[in-house]
Protein backbone atom coordinates (compact mmCIF):
# COMPACT_ATOMS: atom_id res chain seq x y z
CA MET A 1 -0.83 31.85 25.76
CA ASP A 2 -4.15 31.54 27.56
CA ILE A 3 -5.87 28.40 28.81
CA GLU A 4 -8.15 28.12 25.74
CA GLN A 5 -5.20 27.95 23.36
CA LEU A 6 -3.53 25.32 25.53
CA ILE A 7 -6.69 23.20 25.49
CA PHE A 8 -6.99 23.60 21.74
CA LEU A 9 -3.36 22.57 21.13
CA GLY A 10 -3.81 19.56 23.37
CA LEU A 11 -7.00 18.58 21.50
CA VAL A 12 -5.27 18.91 18.12
CA PHE A 13 -2.32 16.84 19.31
CA ALA A 14 -4.60 14.11 20.68
CA VAL A 15 -6.71 13.91 17.52
CA VAL A 16 -3.71 13.87 15.17
CA THR A 17 -1.89 11.26 17.27
CA ALA A 18 -4.94 9.01 17.53
CA SER A 19 -5.71 9.27 13.81
CA THR A 20 -2.11 8.54 12.87
CA ALA A 21 -1.95 5.54 15.18
CA ALA A 22 -5.21 4.12 13.85
CA ALA A 23 -4.19 4.62 10.23
CA GLY A 24 -0.79 3.11 10.93
CA TRP A 25 -2.36 0.02 12.43
CA LEU A 26 -4.73 -0.26 9.48
CA ILE A 27 -2.01 -0.17 6.82
CA GLU A 28 0.77 -2.01 8.65
CA ARG A 29 1.87 -5.39 7.39
CA ARG A 30 0.22 -8.32 9.11
CA ARG A 31 2.44 -10.75 10.88
CA THR A 32 2.60 -13.63 8.46
CA ARG A 33 3.35 -16.39 10.89
CA GLN A 34 0.62 -15.43 13.37
CA ARG A 35 -2.11 -15.25 10.75
CA LEU A 36 -1.15 -18.53 9.11
CA ASP A 37 -0.99 -20.30 12.47
CA ARG A 38 -4.45 -19.01 13.30
CA LEU A 39 -5.82 -20.14 9.91
CA ALA A 40 -4.26 -23.56 10.46
CA GLY A 41 -6.07 -23.86 13.78
CA ASP A 42 -3.16 -23.30 16.13
CA THR A 43 -4.88 -21.94 19.24
CA LEU A 44 -1.57 -21.25 20.94
CA ALA A 45 -0.55 -18.67 18.36
CA PRO A 46 -0.96 -15.05 19.50
CA ARG A 47 -3.63 -13.08 17.73
CA ASP A 48 -3.10 -9.75 16.04
CA ASP A 49 -5.62 -8.18 18.41
CA ALA A 50 -3.55 -9.27 21.39
CA ALA A 51 -0.46 -7.62 19.91
CA MET A 52 -2.35 -4.34 19.46
CA PRO A 53 -2.21 -1.84 22.36
CA GLY A 54 -5.31 -1.65 24.51
CA TRP A 55 -5.80 2.09 24.05
CA LEU A 56 -5.66 1.70 20.26
CA ARG A 57 -8.17 -1.15 20.38
CA THR A 58 -10.48 1.09 22.45
CA LEU A 59 -10.02 4.00 20.03
CA LEU A 60 -10.88 1.84 17.03
CA ARG A 61 -13.94 0.56 18.84
CA TRP A 62 -15.08 4.15 19.47
CA ILE A 63 -14.63 5.38 15.91
CA GLU A 64 -15.95 2.22 14.24
CA PRO A 65 -19.62 3.36 14.43
CA ALA A 66 -18.63 6.40 12.37
CA GLY A 67 -17.86 4.06 9.49
CA ARG A 68 -21.55 3.18 9.16
CA LEU A 69 -22.12 6.61 7.64
CA SER A 70 -20.14 5.71 4.51
CA THR A 71 -19.72 1.92 4.46
CA PRO A 72 -21.69 0.28 1.63
CA GLU A 73 -23.99 -2.34 3.11
CA GLU A 74 -25.34 -4.22 0.08
CA GLY A 75 -23.12 -5.95 -2.43
CA PHE A 76 -19.88 -5.00 -0.67
CA GLU A 77 -18.46 -8.54 -0.63
CA ALA A 78 -18.62 -8.73 -4.44
CA SER A 79 -17.59 -5.12 -5.10
CA ALA A 80 -14.33 -3.83 -6.53
CA LEU A 81 -13.62 -2.05 -3.24
CA LYS A 82 -13.64 -5.36 -1.37
CA ARG A 83 -11.13 -6.67 -3.91
CA ARG A 84 -8.86 -3.69 -3.20
CA PHE A 85 -8.86 -4.55 0.50
CA VAL A 86 -7.96 -8.14 -0.32
CA GLN A 87 -5.16 -7.06 -2.66
CA ALA A 88 -3.82 -4.75 0.05
CA GLY A 89 -3.60 -7.68 2.47
CA LEU A 90 -6.35 -6.34 4.77
CA ARG A 91 -8.45 -9.45 5.31
CA ASP A 92 -9.80 -8.74 8.80
CA ALA A 93 -13.56 -8.39 9.03
CA SER A 94 -13.24 -5.04 10.80
CA ALA A 95 -10.81 -3.50 8.28
CA PRO A 96 -13.45 -2.02 5.90
CA ARG A 97 -15.49 -0.54 8.75
CA THR A 98 -12.34 0.93 10.34
CA PHE A 99 -11.20 2.32 6.99
CA PHE A 100 -14.48 4.12 6.37
CA ALA A 101 -14.56 5.29 9.98
CA ILE A 102 -11.15 6.95 9.55
CA LYS A 103 -12.38 8.58 6.34
CA THR A 104 -15.48 9.91 8.07
CA VAL A 105 -13.57 11.21 11.08
CA LEU A 106 -10.96 12.96 8.93
CA THR A 107 -13.56 14.41 6.55
CA LEU A 108 -15.58 15.93 9.37
CA GLY A 109 -12.78 16.51 11.86
CA LEU A 110 -10.28 18.49 9.79
CA PRO A 111 -12.71 21.31 8.85
CA LEU A 112 -13.99 21.44 12.44
CA LEU A 113 -10.47 21.70 13.79
CA MET A 114 -9.72 24.50 11.32
CA LEU A 115 -12.86 26.40 12.32
CA LEU A 116 -12.05 25.89 15.99
CA ALA A 117 -8.51 27.16 15.47
CA ARG A 118 -9.79 30.21 13.61
CA HIS A 119 -12.30 30.90 16.37
CA LEU A 120 -9.75 30.59 19.16
CA SER A 121 -7.19 32.72 17.34
CA GLY A 122 -9.75 35.45 16.70
CA GLY A 123 -9.09 35.52 12.94
CA ALA A 124 -12.63 34.73 11.79
CA GLY A 125 -13.25 38.24 10.54
CA ARG A 126 -9.89 38.86 8.85
CA GLN A 127 -10.49 36.61 5.83
CA ASP A 128 -12.83 37.03 2.90
CA GLY A 129 -15.86 34.82 2.44
CA SER A 130 -14.51 32.81 -0.50
CA LEU A 131 -11.39 31.78 1.43
CA GLN A 132 -13.43 30.88 4.49
CA LEU A 133 -15.46 28.48 2.34
CA LEU A 134 -12.59 27.13 0.22
CA VAL A 135 -10.24 26.08 3.03
CA PRO A 136 -12.76 23.82 4.86
CA LEU A 137 -13.74 22.22 1.55
CA LEU A 138 -10.10 21.49 0.73
CA LEU A 139 -9.54 20.02 4.19
CA ALA A 140 -12.65 17.86 3.88
CA ALA A 141 -11.55 16.62 0.45
CA THR A 142 -8.07 15.87 1.83
CA GLY A 143 -9.50 13.88 4.73
CA TYR A 144 -11.79 11.93 2.41
CA TYR A 145 -9.29 11.03 -0.31
CA ALA A 146 -6.10 10.61 1.76
CA PRO A 147 -7.05 7.09 2.98
CA ASN A 148 -7.77 6.08 -0.62
CA LEU A 149 -4.31 7.22 -1.64
CA LEU A 150 -2.72 5.30 1.23
CA LEU A 151 -4.67 2.17 0.27
CA ALA A 152 -3.64 2.51 -3.38
CA ARG A 153 -0.03 3.00 -2.30
CA ARG A 154 -0.13 -0.13 -0.18
CA ILE A 155 -1.60 -2.16 -3.07
CA GLN A 156 1.06 -0.85 -5.45
CA GLN A 157 3.92 -1.71 -3.09
CA ARG A 158 2.51 -5.16 -2.40
CA GLN A 159 2.02 -5.96 -6.09
CA ARG A 160 5.51 -4.71 -6.91
CA GLU A 161 7.01 -6.99 -4.28
CA LEU A 162 5.04 -9.93 -5.64
CA PHE A 163 6.14 -9.19 -9.20
CA GLU A 164 9.81 -8.89 -8.23
CA ALA A 165 9.91 -12.11 -6.21
CA PHE A 166 7.64 -14.35 -8.28
CA PRO A 167 10.19 -15.36 -11.00
CA ASP A 168 12.61 -16.57 -8.31
CA ALA A 169 9.80 -18.51 -6.66
CA LEU A 170 8.98 -20.17 -9.99
CA ASP A 171 12.63 -21.19 -10.40
CA LEU A 172 12.61 -22.79 -6.96
CA MET A 173 9.31 -24.50 -7.71
CA THR A 174 10.70 -25.85 -10.97
CA VAL A 175 13.69 -27.34 -9.17
CA CYS A 176 11.43 -28.92 -6.53
CA VAL A 177 9.05 -30.41 -9.11
CA GLU A 178 11.92 -31.80 -11.19
CA ALA A 179 13.36 -33.33 -8.01
CA GLY A 180 10.17 -35.36 -7.57
CA LEU A 181 8.06 -33.29 -5.16
CA GLY A 182 4.35 -32.82 -5.75
CA ILE A 183 2.98 -29.41 -6.60
CA GLU A 184 1.55 -28.84 -3.10
CA ALA A 185 4.78 -29.91 -1.37
CA ALA A 186 6.80 -27.80 -3.81
CA MET A 187 4.68 -24.72 -3.06
CA LEU A 188 5.09 -25.21 0.68
CA ARG A 189 8.85 -25.65 0.34
CA VAL A 190 9.14 -22.57 -1.86
CA ALA A 191 7.06 -20.57 0.62
CA ASP A 192 9.49 -21.48 3.41
CA ASP A 193 12.53 -20.57 1.27
CA ILE A 194 11.16 -17.34 -0.23
CA ALA A 195 9.91 -15.97 3.12
CA ILE A 196 13.22 -14.19 3.79
CA LYS A 197 13.11 -12.27 0.50
CA SER A 198 9.36 -11.73 0.17
CA PRO A 199 7.10 -12.41 3.18
CA VAL A 200 4.07 -11.32 1.13
CA LEU A 201 4.62 -13.97 -1.55
CA ALA A 202 5.34 -16.60 1.10
CA GLU A 203 2.06 -15.72 2.81
CA GLU A 204 0.07 -16.02 -0.41
CA MET A 205 1.62 -19.38 -1.27
CA ARG A 206 0.93 -20.70 2.21
CA LEU A 207 -2.68 -19.59 1.92
CA LEU A 208 -2.89 -21.38 -1.44
CA ASN A 209 -1.48 -24.51 0.18
CA LEU A 210 -3.96 -24.26 3.05
CA GLU A 211 -6.86 -24.02 0.61
CA LEU A 212 -5.63 -27.11 -1.21
CA ARG A 213 -5.23 -28.99 2.06
CA ALA A 214 -8.74 -27.96 3.06
CA GLY A 215 -10.15 -29.81 0.03
CA MET A 216 -10.57 -27.00 -2.50
CA ASP A 217 -9.90 -28.02 -6.09
CA ARG A 218 -6.69 -26.71 -7.58
CA PRO A 219 -8.19 -24.48 -10.35
CA ARG A 220 -10.36 -22.62 -7.86
CA ALA A 221 -7.46 -22.20 -5.42
CA LEU A 222 -5.25 -20.82 -8.19
CA ARG A 223 -7.97 -18.40 -9.26
CA ASN A 224 -8.26 -17.25 -5.64
CA LEU A 225 -4.50 -16.63 -5.62
CA ALA A 226 -4.80 -14.46 -8.74
CA PHE A 227 -7.78 -12.64 -7.18
CA ARG A 228 -5.93 -11.91 -3.92
CA THR A 229 -2.82 -10.56 -5.60
CA GLY A 230 -4.14 -8.72 -8.65
CA VAL A 231 -0.82 -9.27 -10.48
CA ASP A 232 -1.08 -10.16 -14.16
CA GLU A 233 1.94 -12.45 -14.02
CA ILE A 234 0.42 -14.51 -11.21
CA ASP A 235 -2.86 -14.63 -13.14
CA GLY A 236 -0.94 -16.01 -16.12
CA PHE A 237 0.72 -18.57 -13.85
CA ALA A 238 -2.68 -19.70 -12.55
CA THR A 239 -4.01 -20.03 -16.11
CA MET A 240 -0.92 -21.99 -17.15
CA MET A 241 -1.25 -24.41 -14.23
CA ILE A 242 -4.96 -24.97 -14.90
CA GLN A 243 -4.30 -25.68 -18.59
CA ALA A 244 -1.35 -27.96 -17.80
CA GLU A 245 -3.51 -30.00 -15.44
CA ARG A 246 -6.41 -30.11 -17.89
CA PHE A 247 -4.41 -31.18 -20.96
CA GLY A 248 -1.89 -33.36 -19.14
CA THR A 249 1.25 -31.48 -20.16
CA SER A 250 4.46 -31.48 -18.11
CA ILE A 251 4.20 -29.12 -15.15
CA ALA A 252 7.98 -28.83 -14.81
CA ALA A 253 8.39 -27.78 -18.45
CA SER A 254 5.51 -25.32 -18.14
CA LEU A 255 7.03 -23.82 -14.99
CA ARG A 256 10.41 -23.43 -16.68
CA ILE A 257 8.88 -21.63 -19.68
CA GLN A 258 6.81 -19.41 -17.40
CA SER A 259 9.82 -18.50 -15.24
CA ASP A 260 11.87 -17.58 -18.33
CA LEU A 261 9.02 -15.42 -19.58
CA LEU A 262 8.68 -13.64 -16.23
CA ARG A 263 12.42 -13.00 -15.94
CA THR A 264 12.38 -11.50 -19.42
CA ARG A 265 9.42 -9.33 -18.53
CA ARG A 266 11.10 -8.19 -15.31
CA ARG A 267 14.25 -7.25 -17.22
CA GLN A 268 12.19 -5.34 -19.77
CA ARG A 269 10.49 -3.37 -17.03
CA ALA A 270 13.85 -2.50 -15.53
CA GLU A 271 15.13 -1.35 -18.93
CA GLU A 272 11.99 0.71 -19.45
CA ALA A 273 12.43 2.40 -16.07
CA ALA A 274 16.08 3.10 -16.87
CA ALA A 275 15.12 4.64 -20.21
CA LYS A 276 12.79 7.08 -18.45
CA ILE A 277 15.51 8.45 -16.19
CA GLY A 278 16.68 11.01 -18.75
CA LEU A 279 13.21 12.47 -19.18
CA LYS A 280 12.57 12.50 -15.43
CA LEU A 281 15.84 14.36 -14.82
CA LEU A 282 15.08 17.00 -17.45
CA PHE A 283 12.88 19.24 -15.30
CA PRO A 284 15.09 19.07 -12.15
CA LEU A 285 18.07 19.97 -14.32
CA MET A 286 16.27 22.88 -15.95
CA PHE A 287 14.71 24.40 -12.84
CA CYS A 288 17.11 23.40 -10.03
CA ILE A 289 20.63 22.53 -11.21
CA PHE A 290 21.12 24.75 -14.26
CA PRO A 291 20.06 27.99 -12.51
CA ALA A 292 22.49 27.24 -9.66
CA LEU A 293 25.30 26.52 -12.14
CA LEU A 294 24.45 29.71 -14.02
CA VAL A 295 24.69 31.76 -10.85
CA VAL A 296 28.00 30.17 -9.86
CA LEU A 297 29.61 30.47 -13.30
CA VAL A 298 28.21 33.74 -14.61
CA GLY A 299 27.72 35.50 -11.25
CA PRO A 300 31.34 36.60 -10.66
CA ALA A 301 31.75 37.78 -14.25
CA GLY A 302 28.49 39.72 -13.98
CA LEU A 303 29.62 41.40 -10.77
CA GLN A 304 32.93 42.40 -12.36
CA LEU A 305 31.08 43.77 -15.39
CA VAL A 306 28.80 45.85 -13.15
CA ARG A 307 31.78 47.23 -11.22
CA ALA A 308 33.58 48.10 -14.45
CA LEU A 309 30.54 49.95 -15.78
CA ARG A 310 30.19 51.87 -12.52
CA SER A 311 33.85 52.91 -12.61
CA MET A 312 33.52 54.11 -16.19
CA GLY A 313 30.46 56.13 -15.32
């Protein structure tokens, strides 16, 4: 192995490690307590930037200008893409620019690394022209769409956690309201109790409570909660609370009905997923398990039949 190959391997390792570290920091779960303390004005709380390694902060600062090549400048705050960042829990101002910077670096970097590897290995002339054009295009498409898939995966996991934990939170809120607590105090108490099971839901409820304490009217704060989560059940809860406050109905009774409805819907989703297991197991059984069983069961008899035919011949 000559010195050029060693340099190339080192360059590939550095680029892959840096890209993985930056993407991991972008999609990692924010520390709930630190962010809420900072929003509440606690200056003694450590910031997320301070918890991030210095070399990673420097790397993100270097690749952030690359995000200007693909970041939409006008109308981004009101776009559907901005809503996806909010639903994924990425509320930092630098998250969109870093996201698009990673997309740009991967889209341009993966084909360049492939061409560099082909040049250093001396295999540029051993492939046909169509393959030489197809492979860089596939790598560029992979680098461009892979961050979108990771973002969609993060949104899906976050919404699933919210959906699974929200009926239990409504039960706790119902008990607190029936015990005489106000709706804001009940939300804060439920956020403290549900934090062990679902930190994401606890974070959203604390943010809702902070908005109410800051003077925002309750309908707007509830709509913001539905906007941040993107879960239909939470949207229905916000609509129910707004209507209960507008028409003067009992909040405790409304919460109890809503929690029963959500528990029923959660059970139905579990039954639906269980009913799909048979269909999902059909193809693995046909292509993986049944051929192996066929070989194990019929194989010895087939070998004996072949030996018997050879002896007769």
